[in-house]
Amino acid sequence: FFFFKSRQRRMFIFLQQTRTDASIKIQRIFRGHKGRENFAVAIALRSLEHKARPLYSLLENEGGEIKRHQDAQVGVKRALEEAKNAVSELEKEIAILNHTNAKYWDSDQITGTPQRYVTGLLRVSNIL
């Protein structure tokens, strides 16, 4: 750099400054385009969100309804499991009742409270 003559040195500095200015201008333009592009995308996104607002509200309403149905489904499944367990217990009790020789049978399957019944009556009437 020091071995240039003064005129060549000035020309070198001028060209270097011109390149730097050109690169700064290109970067500014590029960044400006990118900034404008981001702004345009944000505007389009806001516009689409505004257009989709009724769909979001409908989705929220349907989501609440779906949640309500799922809760009801859980309750029905629980009741079905309880009913299956009750039927299996009742079948076990009937199997034992049909093979017993005892005169009385204690059961809470008929009224919900434990009571003593005549075994023959339970066998004939198939109450259990």
Protein backbone atom coordinates (compact mmCIF):
# COMPACT_ATOMS: atom_id res chain seq x y z
CA PHE A 1 0.00 0.00 0.00
CA PHE A 2 2.89 2.36 0.74
CA PHE A 3 4.73 1.61 -2.46
CA PHE A 4 2.00 3.26 -4.61
CA LYS A 5 2.56 6.70 -5.89
CA SER A 6 0.28 9.35 -4.48
CA ARG A 7 -2.02 9.44 -7.52
CA GLN A 8 -2.31 5.66 -7.59
CA ARG A 9 -2.87 5.65 -3.86
CA ARG A 10 -5.72 8.17 -4.19
CA MET A 11 -7.21 6.11 -7.01
CA PHE A 12 -6.89 2.95 -4.92
CA ILE A 13 -8.59 4.61 -1.92
CA PHE A 14 -11.31 6.02 -4.17
CA LEU A 15 -12.02 2.59 -5.71
CA GLN A 16 -11.98 0.95 -2.30
CA GLN A 17 -14.41 3.58 -0.96
CA THR A 18 -16.62 3.14 -4.04
CA ARG A 19 -16.75 -0.64 -3.50
CA THR A 20 -17.56 -0.17 0.17
CA ASP A 21 -20.32 2.32 -0.65
CA ALA A 22 -21.72 0.00 -3.33
CA SER A 23 -21.73 -2.97 -0.95
CA ILE A 24 -23.42 -0.87 1.75
CA LYS A 25 -26.04 0.26 -0.77
CA ILE A 26 -26.66 -3.32 -1.93
CA GLN A 27 -27.00 -4.48 1.68
CA ARG A 28 -29.40 -1.63 2.46
CA ILE A 29 -31.53 -2.45 -0.59
CA PHE A 30 -31.50 -6.17 0.21
CA ARG A 31 -32.41 -5.59 3.84
CA GLY A 32 -35.08 -3.14 2.79
CA HIS A 33 -36.60 -5.72 0.48
CA LYS A 34 -36.46 -8.31 3.24
CA GLY A 35 -38.06 -5.88 5.67
CA ARG A 36 -40.79 -5.05 3.18
CA GLU A 37 -41.27 -8.74 2.51
CA ASN A 38 -41.67 -9.46 6.25
CA PHE A 39 -44.09 -6.56 6.55
CA ALA A 40 -46.15 -7.82 3.60
CA VAL A 41 -46.26 -11.31 5.11
CA ALA A 42 -47.40 -9.87 8.46
CA ILE A 43 -50.16 -7.86 6.74
CA ALA A 44 -51.35 -10.93 4.79
CA LEU A 45 -51.29 -13.01 7.97
CA ARG A 46 -53.39 -10.42 9.83
CA SER A 47 -55.84 -10.37 6.93
CA LEU A 48 -56.16 -14.15 6.96
CA GLU A 49 -56.59 -14.21 10.75
CA HIS A 50 -59.40 -11.68 10.39
CA LYS A 51 -61.08 -13.78 7.71
CA ALA A 52 -60.64 -16.97 9.76
CA ARG A 53 -61.99 -15.49 13.01
CA PRO A 54 -65.51 -16.96 12.50
CA LEU A 55 -63.96 -20.36 11.88
CA TYR A 56 -61.93 -20.11 15.08
CA SER A 57 -65.05 -19.21 17.09
CA LEU A 58 -66.93 -22.11 15.48
CA LEU A 59 -64.02 -24.41 16.30
CA GLU A 60 -64.08 -23.26 19.94
CA ASN A 61 -67.83 -23.88 20.15
CA GLU A 62 -67.50 -27.29 18.54
CA GLY A 63 -64.51 -28.02 20.78
CA GLY A 64 -66.67 -27.40 23.84
CA GLU A 65 -69.35 -29.66 22.45
CA ILE A 66 -66.78 -32.34 21.66
CA LYS A 67 -65.43 -32.07 25.22
CA ARG A 68 -68.96 -32.43 26.61
CA HIS A 69 -69.55 -35.55 24.49
CA GLN A 70 -66.20 -37.02 25.53
CA ASP A 71 -67.09 -36.49 29.20
CA ALA A 72 -70.46 -38.16 28.62
CA GLN A 73 -68.71 -41.03 26.86
CA VAL A 74 -66.40 -41.52 29.83
CA GLY A 75 -69.43 -41.63 32.15
CA VAL A 76 -71.22 -44.15 29.95
CA LYS A 77 -68.12 -46.33 29.73
CA ARG A 78 -67.77 -46.24 33.51
CA ALA A 79 -71.44 -47.20 33.96
CA LEU A 80 -71.03 -50.01 31.41
CA GLU A 81 -68.02 -51.39 33.28
CA GLU A 82 -69.95 -51.26 36.56
CA ALA A 83 -72.89 -53.05 34.94
CA LYS A 84 -70.58 -55.73 33.49
CA ASN A 85 -69.03 -56.26 36.92
CA ALA A 86 -72.48 -56.50 38.53
CA VAL A 87 -73.63 -59.06 35.93
CA SER A 88 -70.51 -61.19 36.42
CA GLU A 89 -70.97 -61.11 40.22
CA LEU A 90 -74.63 -62.04 39.80
CA GLU A 91 -73.75 -64.95 37.50
CA LYS A 92 -71.22 -66.21 40.06
CA GLU A 93 -73.80 -65.96 42.83
CA ILE A 94 -76.42 -67.81 40.75
CA ALA A 95 -73.90 -70.57 39.97
CA ILE A 96 -73.13 -70.97 43.67
CA LEU A 97 -76.86 -70.80 44.57
CA ASN A 98 -77.73 -73.60 42.15
CA HIS A 99 -75.14 -75.92 43.75
CA THR A 100 -75.81 -75.22 47.42
CA ASN A 101 -77.91 -77.32 49.78
CA ALA A 102 -78.40 -74.60 52.38
CA LYS A 103 -82.00 -73.71 53.33
CA TYR A 104 -81.36 -69.93 53.39
CA TRP A 105 -79.31 -67.66 51.17
CA ASP A 106 -77.99 -64.22 52.09
CA SER A 107 -77.94 -61.77 49.21
CA ASP A 108 -78.02 -58.03 48.58
CA GLN A 109 -78.64 -58.34 44.82
CA ILE A 110 -82.44 -58.04 44.94
CA THR A 111 -83.08 -54.95 47.07
CA GLY A 112 -79.60 -53.58 47.53
CA THR A 113 -79.49 -54.36 51.24
CA PRO A 114 -78.33 -57.72 52.63
CA GLN A 115 -81.30 -59.99 53.38
CA ARG A 116 -81.88 -63.68 53.98
CA TYR A 117 -84.00 -65.58 51.45
CA VAL A 118 -85.20 -69.17 51.17
CA THR A 119 -82.90 -70.86 48.66
CA GLY A 120 -85.68 -72.83 46.98
CA LEU A 121 -87.66 -69.64 46.38
CA LEU A 122 -84.68 -67.97 44.71
CA ARG A 123 -84.08 -71.02 42.51
CA VAL A 124 -87.70 -71.25 41.34
CA SER A 125 -88.33 -67.55 40.77
CA ASN A 126 -84.92 -66.80 39.18
CA ILE A 127 -84.91 -63.44 40.94
CA LEU A 128 -81.14 -63.43 41.10
